[in-house]
């Protein structure tokens, strides 16, 4: 599987454990609309929902995952996700606050021999098509921690991006949900567009 032979669509990843995988319902549709308008993607306007253990994930070059709480991958889920990622897929996990301890542990089931590593600001994902000289932007403040972008690589290719202490998805949501200023929402959407472009082209 490579990004070139799949439809350029994306899906929301449904997982077990009780965490709110369905959080930020307007976020991904708004990101899709922004990408289709500004970076000339042709993504279906309504994102699909796929389960971690389903073969359906292989139909999508990009999976988005979010939530505040617990995440659990069965061994079968972890194997399916690993096969998807090493065969050309891409997963973006956006911590909507509170997800980090759970996802860090569950990713060890997916890649026991790989660690999340912080991305350098020189990475393509911060520079194309929009430039983020300081790396991941801060969208919402929780406890004063700096935003960080972590990745898992497979043979030099970034296959998984974990965005932490940023809340990109909140910035993608409809304006009235969080009352974010337009410049903050635009910054979040531009960073999201960089992620989508990277996933579709690499």
C-alpha atoms as a PDB file:
ATOM      1  CA  UNK A   1       0.000   0.000   0.000  1.00  0.00           C
ATOM      2  CA  UNK A   2       1.272   3.430  -0.856  1.00  0.00           C
ATOM      3  CA  UNK A   3      -0.307   6.824  -0.554  1.00  0.00           C
ATOM      4  CA  UNK A   4      -0.511   7.080  -4.336  1.00  0.00           C
ATOM      5  CA  UNK A   5      -2.772   4.087  -4.879  1.00  0.00           C
ATOM      6  CA  UNK A   6      -5.380   4.982  -2.272  1.00  0.00           C
ATOM      7  CA  UNK A   7      -8.139   7.521  -2.506  1.00  0.00           C
ATOM      8  CA  UNK A   8      -7.114  10.792  -0.891  1.00  0.00           C
ATOM      9  CA  UNK A   9      -9.527  10.501   1.996  1.00  0.00           C
ATOM     10  CA  UNK A  10      -9.173  10.443   5.730  1.00  0.00           C
ATOM     11  CA  UNK A  11     -10.976   8.721   8.570  1.00  0.00           C
ATOM     12  CA  UNK A  12     -11.474   9.133  12.303  1.00  0.00           C
ATOM     13  CA  UNK A  13     -10.120   6.250  14.351  1.00  0.00           C
ATOM     14  CA  UNK A  14     -12.496   4.636  16.841  1.00  0.00           C
ATOM     15  CA  UNK A  15     -10.753   2.894  19.728  1.00  0.00           C
ATOM     16  CA  UNK A  16     -11.666   0.973  22.866  1.00  0.00           C
ATOM     17  CA  UNK A  17     -10.988   1.914  26.476  1.00  0.00           C
ATOM     18  CA  UNK A  18     -13.690   4.463  27.179  1.00  0.00           C
ATOM     19  CA  UNK A  19     -11.904   7.549  25.884  1.00  0.00           C
ATOM     20  CA  UNK A  20     -13.951   9.978  23.817  1.00  0.00           C
ATOM     21  CA  UNK A  21     -12.703   9.067  20.345  1.00  0.00           C
ATOM     22  CA  UNK A  22     -15.664  11.065  18.994  1.00  0.00           C
ATOM     23  CA  UNK A  23     -14.477  14.355  20.581  1.00  0.00           C
ATOM     24  CA  UNK A  24     -14.346  17.596  18.572  1.00  0.00           C
ATOM     25  CA  UNK A  25     -17.040  16.576  16.047  1.00  0.00           C
ATOM     26  CA  UNK A  26     -16.692  19.653  13.833  1.00  0.00           C
ATOM     27  CA  UNK A  27     -12.884  19.587  13.788  1.00  0.00           C
ATOM     28  CA  UNK A  28     -12.057  17.150  10.996  1.00  0.00           C
ATOM     29  CA  UNK A  29     -14.803  18.304   8.598  1.00  0.00           C
ATOM     30  CA  UNK A  30     -13.504  21.875   8.994  1.00  0.00           C
ATOM     31  CA  UNK A  31      -9.928  20.754   8.382  1.00  0.00           C
ATOM     32  CA  UNK A  32     -11.031  18.912   5.245  1.00  0.00           C
ATOM     33  CA  UNK A  33     -12.822  22.011   3.952  1.00  0.00           C
ATOM     34  CA  UNK A  34      -9.725  24.140   4.641  1.00  0.00           C
ATOM     35  CA  UNK A  35      -7.442  21.678   2.844  1.00  0.00           C
ATOM     36  CA  UNK A  36      -9.722  21.327  -0.179  1.00  0.00           C
ATOM     37  CA  UNK A  37      -9.921  25.103  -0.495  1.00  0.00           C
ATOM     38  CA  UNK A  38      -6.308  26.035   0.246  1.00  0.00           C
ATOM     39  CA  UNK A  39      -3.988  23.161  -0.700  1.00  0.00           C
ATOM     40  CA  UNK A  40      -6.114  21.680  -3.495  1.00  0.00           C
ATOM     41  CA  UNK A  41      -6.892  18.307  -1.952  1.00  0.00           C
ATOM     42  CA  UNK A  42     -10.073  16.516  -3.010  1.00  0.00           C
ATOM     43  CA  UNK A  43     -11.015  14.875   0.257  1.00  0.00           C
ATOM     44  CA  UNK A  44     -14.570  13.669   0.832  1.00  0.00           C
ATOM     45  CA  UNK A  45     -16.252  16.335   2.969  1.00  0.00           C
ATOM     46  CA  UNK A  46     -17.658  13.833   5.475  1.00  0.00           C
ATOM     47  CA  UNK A  47     -14.933  11.773   7.186  1.00  0.00           C
ATOM     48  CA  UNK A  48     -15.543   8.079   7.729  1.00  0.00           C
ATOM     49  CA  UNK A  49     -15.164   6.396  11.112  1.00  0.00           C
ATOM     50  CA  UNK A  50     -13.109   3.191  11.248  1.00  0.00           C
ATOM     51  CA  UNK A  51     -12.209   0.871  14.103  1.00  0.00           C
ATOM     52  CA  UNK A  52      -8.564   0.189  14.935  1.00  0.00           C
ATOM     53  CA  UNK A  53      -8.897  -3.550  14.322  1.00  0.00           C
ATOM     54  CA  UNK A  54     -10.823  -3.268  11.061  1.00  0.00           C
ATOM     55  CA  UNK A  55      -9.334  -3.927   7.610  1.00  0.00           C
ATOM     56  CA  UNK A  56     -11.162  -0.771   6.531  1.00  0.00           C
ATOM     57  CA  UNK A  57      -8.293   1.374   7.844  1.00  0.00           C
ATOM     58  CA  UNK A  58      -6.258   0.279   4.813  1.00  0.00           C
ATOM     59  CA  UNK A  59      -8.579   2.290   2.549  1.00  0.00           C
ATOM     60  CA  UNK A  60      -7.352   5.576   3.999  1.00  0.00           C
ATOM     61  CA  UNK A  61      -3.887   7.162   3.743  1.00  0.00           C
ATOM     62  CA  UNK A  62      -4.634   9.291   6.814  1.00  0.00           C
ATOM     63  CA  UNK A  63      -6.214   8.371  10.145  1.00  0.00           C
ATOM     64  CA  UNK A  64      -6.994  10.962  12.828  1.00  0.00           C
ATOM     65  CA  UNK A  65      -7.362  10.045  16.481  1.00  0.00           C
ATOM     66  CA  UNK A  66      -8.254  12.242  19.438  1.00  0.00           C
ATOM     67  CA  UNK A  67      -9.718  12.208  22.932  1.00  0.00           C
ATOM     68  CA  UNK A  68      -9.237  13.142  26.556  1.00  0.00           C
ATOM     69  CA  UNK A  69      -9.031   9.793  28.290  1.00  0.00           C
ATOM     70  CA  UNK A  70      -8.324   6.100  28.279  1.00  0.00           C
ATOM     71  CA  UNK A  71      -7.179   4.235  25.194  1.00  0.00           C
ATOM     72  CA  UNK A  72      -6.903   0.469  24.845  1.00  0.00           C
ATOM     73  CA  UNK A  73      -5.578  -1.559  21.908  1.00  0.00           C
ATOM     74  CA  UNK A  74      -6.037  -5.316  21.886  1.00  0.00           C
ATOM     75  CA  UNK A  75      -3.196  -7.366  20.422  1.00  0.00           C
ATOM     76  CA  UNK A  76      -5.227  -7.727  17.224  1.00  0.00           C
ATOM     77  CA  UNK A  77      -5.803  -3.942  17.110  1.00  0.00           C
ATOM     78  CA  UNK A  78      -2.104  -3.288  17.601  1.00  0.00           C
ATOM     79  CA  UNK A  79      -1.090  -5.746  14.879  1.00  0.00           C
ATOM     80  CA  UNK A  80      -3.600  -4.284  12.422  1.00  0.00           C
ATOM     81  CA  UNK A  81      -2.437  -0.750  13.121  1.00  0.00           C
ATOM     82  CA  UNK A  82       1.233  -1.741  12.845  1.00  0.00           C
ATOM     83  CA  UNK A  83       0.614  -3.409   9.473  1.00  0.00           C
ATOM     84  CA  UNK A  84      -1.249  -0.335   8.268  1.00  0.00           C
ATOM     85  CA  UNK A  85       1.526   2.058   9.282  1.00  0.00           C
ATOM     86  CA  UNK A  86       4.436   0.054   7.893  1.00  0.00           C
ATOM     87  CA  UNK A  87       2.626  -0.457   4.592  1.00  0.00           C
ATOM     88  CA  UNK A  88       2.142   3.242   3.868  1.00  0.00           C
ATOM     89  CA  UNK A  89      -0.510   4.562   6.225  1.00  0.00           C
ATOM     90  CA  UNK A  90      -0.273   7.565   8.535  1.00  0.00           C
ATOM     91  CA  UNK A  91      -1.817   8.206  11.954  1.00  0.00           C
ATOM     92  CA  UNK A  92      -2.186  11.621  13.585  1.00  0.00           C
ATOM     93  CA  UNK A  93      -3.010  11.480  17.293  1.00  0.00           C
ATOM     94  CA  UNK A  94      -4.062  14.823  18.741  1.00  0.00           C
ATOM     95  CA  UNK A  95      -4.096  14.822  22.528  1.00  0.00           C
ATOM     96  CA  UNK A  96      -7.172  16.785  23.499  1.00  0.00           C
ATOM     97  CA  UNK A  97      -5.737  16.850  27.037  1.00  0.00           C
ATOM     98  CA  UNK A  98      -5.402  13.811  29.252  1.00  0.00           C
ATOM     99  CA  UNK A  99      -4.659  11.184  26.614  1.00  0.00           C
ATOM    100  CA  UNK A 100      -0.859  11.129  26.781  1.00  0.00           C
ATOM    101  CA  UNK A 101      -0.205   8.509  29.510  1.00  0.00           C
ATOM    102  CA  UNK A 102      -2.582   6.025  27.909  1.00  0.00           C
ATOM    103  CA  UNK A 103      -1.511   6.413  24.297  1.00  0.00           C
ATOM    104  CA  UNK A 104       2.186   6.233  25.183  1.00  0.00           C
ATOM    105  CA  UNK A 105       1.617   2.849  26.796  1.00  0.00           C
ATOM    106  CA  UNK A 106      -0.635   1.504  24.035  1.00  0.00           C
ATOM    107  CA  UNK A 107       1.802   2.492  21.277  1.00  0.00           C
ATOM    108  CA  UNK A 108       4.308   0.101  22.847  1.00  0.00           C
ATOM    109  CA  UNK A 109       1.965  -2.690  21.747  1.00  0.00           C
ATOM    110  CA  UNK A 110       2.062  -1.371  18.195  1.00  0.00           C
ATOM    111  CA  UNK A 111       5.820  -0.779  18.030  1.00  0.00           C
ATOM    112  CA  UNK A 112       7.542  -2.470  20.992  1.00  0.00           C
ATOM    113  CA  UNK A 113      10.980  -1.484  19.688  1.00  0.00           C
ATOM    114  CA  UNK A 114      10.241   2.124  18.776  1.00  0.00           C
ATOM    115  CA  UNK A 115       9.932   5.226  20.915  1.00  0.00           C
ATOM    116  CA  UNK A 116       8.157   8.495  20.313  1.00  0.00           C
ATOM    117  CA  UNK A 117      10.814  11.050  19.398  1.00  0.00           C
ATOM    118  CA  UNK A 118      10.357  14.806  19.369  1.00  0.00           C
ATOM    119  CA  UNK A 119      10.400  16.289  15.876  1.00  0.00           C
ATOM    120  CA  UNK A 120      12.869  18.974  14.929  1.00  0.00           C
ATOM    121  CA  UNK A 121      11.475  22.278  13.667  1.00  0.00           C
ATOM    122  CA  UNK A 122      13.332  21.553  10.425  1.00  0.00           C
ATOM    123  CA  UNK A 123      11.063  18.589   9.687  1.00  0.00           C
ATOM    124  CA  UNK A 124       9.033  18.937   6.496  1.00  0.00           C
ATOM    125  CA  UNK A 125       5.763  18.786   8.434  1.00  0.00           C
ATOM    126  CA  UNK A 126       6.506  22.234   9.897  1.00  0.00           C
ATOM    127  CA  UNK A 127       7.578  23.775   6.612  1.00  0.00           C
ATOM    128  CA  UNK A 128       5.281  22.693   3.769  1.00  0.00           C
ATOM    129  CA  UNK A 129       3.151  24.386   2.619  1.00  0.00           C
ATOM    130  CA  UNK A 130       3.007  26.645   5.699  1.00  0.00           C
ATOM    131  CA  UNK A 131       6.071  27.547   7.732  1.00  0.00           C
ATOM    132  CA  UNK A 132       6.064  27.095  11.498  1.00  0.00           C
ATOM    133  CA  UNK A 133       9.529  28.253  12.508  1.00  0.00           C
ATOM    134  CA  UNK A 134       8.962  27.369  16.166  1.00  0.00           C
ATOM    135  CA  UNK A 135       7.374  24.003  15.478  1.00  0.00           C
ATOM    136  CA  UNK A 136       3.964  22.971  16.746  1.00  0.00           C
ATOM    137  CA  UNK A 137       1.741  25.971  17.563  1.00  0.00           C
ATOM    138  CA  UNK A 138       0.029  26.413  20.926  1.00  0.00           C
ATOM    139  CA  UNK A 139      -3.725  26.587  20.415  1.00  0.00           C
ATOM    140  CA  UNK A 140      -5.127  26.123  23.922  1.00  0.00           C
ATOM    141  CA  UNK A 141      -3.457  26.647  27.262  1.00  0.00           C
ATOM    142  CA  UNK A 142      -3.927  24.052  30.006  1.00  0.00           C
ATOM    143  CA  UNK A 143      -1.046  24.006  32.444  1.00  0.00           C
ATOM    144  CA  UNK A 144       1.733  26.051  30.935  1.00  0.00           C
ATOM    145  CA  UNK A 145       3.547  23.225  29.139  1.00  0.00           C
ATOM    146  CA  UNK A 146       5.016  23.890  25.725  1.00  0.00           C
ATOM    147  CA  UNK A 147       3.463  22.174  22.707  1.00  0.00           C
ATOM    148  CA  UNK A 148       5.417  19.194  21.428  1.00  0.00           C
ATOM    149  CA  UNK A 149       5.198  17.056  18.309  1.00  0.00           C
ATOM    150  CA  UNK A 150       6.397  13.481  18.650  1.00  0.00           C
ATOM    151  CA  UNK A 151       6.807  10.947  15.897  1.00  0.00           C
ATOM    152  CA  UNK A 152       7.414   7.308  15.164  1.00  0.00           C
ATOM    153  CA  UNK A 153       9.495   6.575  12.087  1.00  0.00           C
ATOM    154  CA  UNK A 154       9.651   3.560   9.812  1.00  0.00           C
ATOM    155  CA  UNK A 155      12.717   3.578   7.564  1.00  0.00           C
ATOM    156  CA  UNK A 156      13.016   7.394   7.676  1.00  0.00           C
ATOM    157  CA  UNK A 157       9.313   7.939   6.965  1.00  0.00           C
ATOM    158  CA  UNK A 158       7.203   9.546   9.662  1.00  0.00           C
ATOM    159  CA  UNK A 159       4.306   7.115  10.071  1.00  0.00           C
ATOM    160  CA  UNK A 160       2.769   8.455  13.273  1.00  0.00           C
ATOM    161  CA  UNK A 161       2.492  11.984  14.643  1.00  0.00           C
ATOM    162  CA  UNK A 162       1.467  12.658  18.243  1.00  0.00           C
ATOM    163  CA  UNK A 163       0.645  16.301  18.945  1.00  0.00           C
ATOM    164  CA  UNK A 164       0.790  17.109  22.660  1.00  0.00           C
ATOM    165  CA  UNK A 165      -0.137  20.236  24.647  1.00  0.00           C
ATOM    166  CA  UNK A 166      -1.314  21.984  21.492  1.00  0.00           C
ATOM    167  CA  UNK A 167      -5.007  21.085  21.023  1.00  0.00           C
ATOM    168  CA  UNK A 168      -4.994  21.458  17.255  1.00  0.00           C
ATOM    169  CA  UNK A 169      -8.422  19.845  17.043  1.00  0.00           C
ATOM    170  CA  UNK A 170      -9.947  22.522  19.262  1.00  0.00           C
ATOM    171  CA  UNK A 171      -8.641  25.101  16.824  1.00  0.00           C
ATOM    172  CA  UNK A 172     -10.226  23.256  13.907  1.00  0.00           C
ATOM    173  CA  UNK A 173     -13.678  23.264  15.482  1.00  0.00           C
ATOM    174  CA  UNK A 174     -16.465  25.684  14.585  1.00  0.00           C
ATOM    175  CA  UNK A 175     -15.631  29.193  15.817  1.00  0.00           C
ATOM    176  CA  UNK A 176     -18.415  29.304  18.405  1.00  0.00           C
ATOM    177  CA  UNK A 177     -17.306  26.096  20.154  1.00  0.00           C
ATOM    178  CA  UNK A 178     -14.253  27.632  21.842  1.00  0.00           C
ATOM    179  CA  UNK A 179     -14.524  31.283  20.766  1.00  0.00           C
ATOM    180  CA  UNK A 180     -10.949  31.222  19.499  1.00  0.00           C
ATOM    181  CA  UNK A 181      -9.797  34.287  17.551  1.00  0.00           C
ATOM    182  CA  UNK A 182      -9.578  33.840  13.790  1.00  0.00           C
ATOM    183  CA  UNK A 183      -5.766  34.002  13.812  1.00  0.00           C
ATOM    184  CA  UNK A 184      -5.578  31.124  16.311  1.00  0.00           C
ATOM    185  CA  UNK A 185      -8.029  29.007  14.305  1.00  0.00           C
ATOM    186  CA  UNK A 186      -6.148  29.775  11.077  1.00  0.00           C
ATOM    187  CA  UNK A 187      -2.848  28.767  12.662  1.00  0.00           C
ATOM    188  CA  UNK A 188      -4.368  25.448  13.773  1.00  0.00           C
ATOM    189  CA  UNK A 189      -5.874  24.788  10.342  1.00  0.00           C
ATOM    190  CA  UNK A 190      -2.611  25.603   8.559  1.00  0.00           C
ATOM    191  CA  UNK A 191      -0.714  23.178  10.780  1.00  0.00           C
ATOM    192  CA  UNK A 192      -3.384  20.581  10.079  1.00  0.00           C
ATOM    193  CA  UNK A 193      -2.993  21.176   6.347  1.00  0.00           C
ATOM    194  CA  UNK A 194       0.758  20.554   6.659  1.00  0.00           C
ATOM    195  CA  UNK A 195       0.020  17.233   8.370  1.00  0.00           C
ATOM    196  CA  UNK A 196      -2.468  16.210   5.685  1.00  0.00           C
ATOM    197  CA  UNK A 197      -0.092  17.169   2.856  1.00  0.00           C
ATOM    198  CA  UNK A 198       2.749  15.208   4.420  1.00  0.00           C
ATOM    199  CA  UNK A 199       0.561  12.139   4.923  1.00  0.00           C
ATOM    200  CA  UNK A 200      -0.693  12.152   1.351  1.00  0.00           C
ATOM    201  CA  UNK A 201       2.707  12.699  -0.275  1.00  0.00           C
ATOM    202  CA  UNK A 202       5.099  10.593   1.828  1.00  0.00           C
END
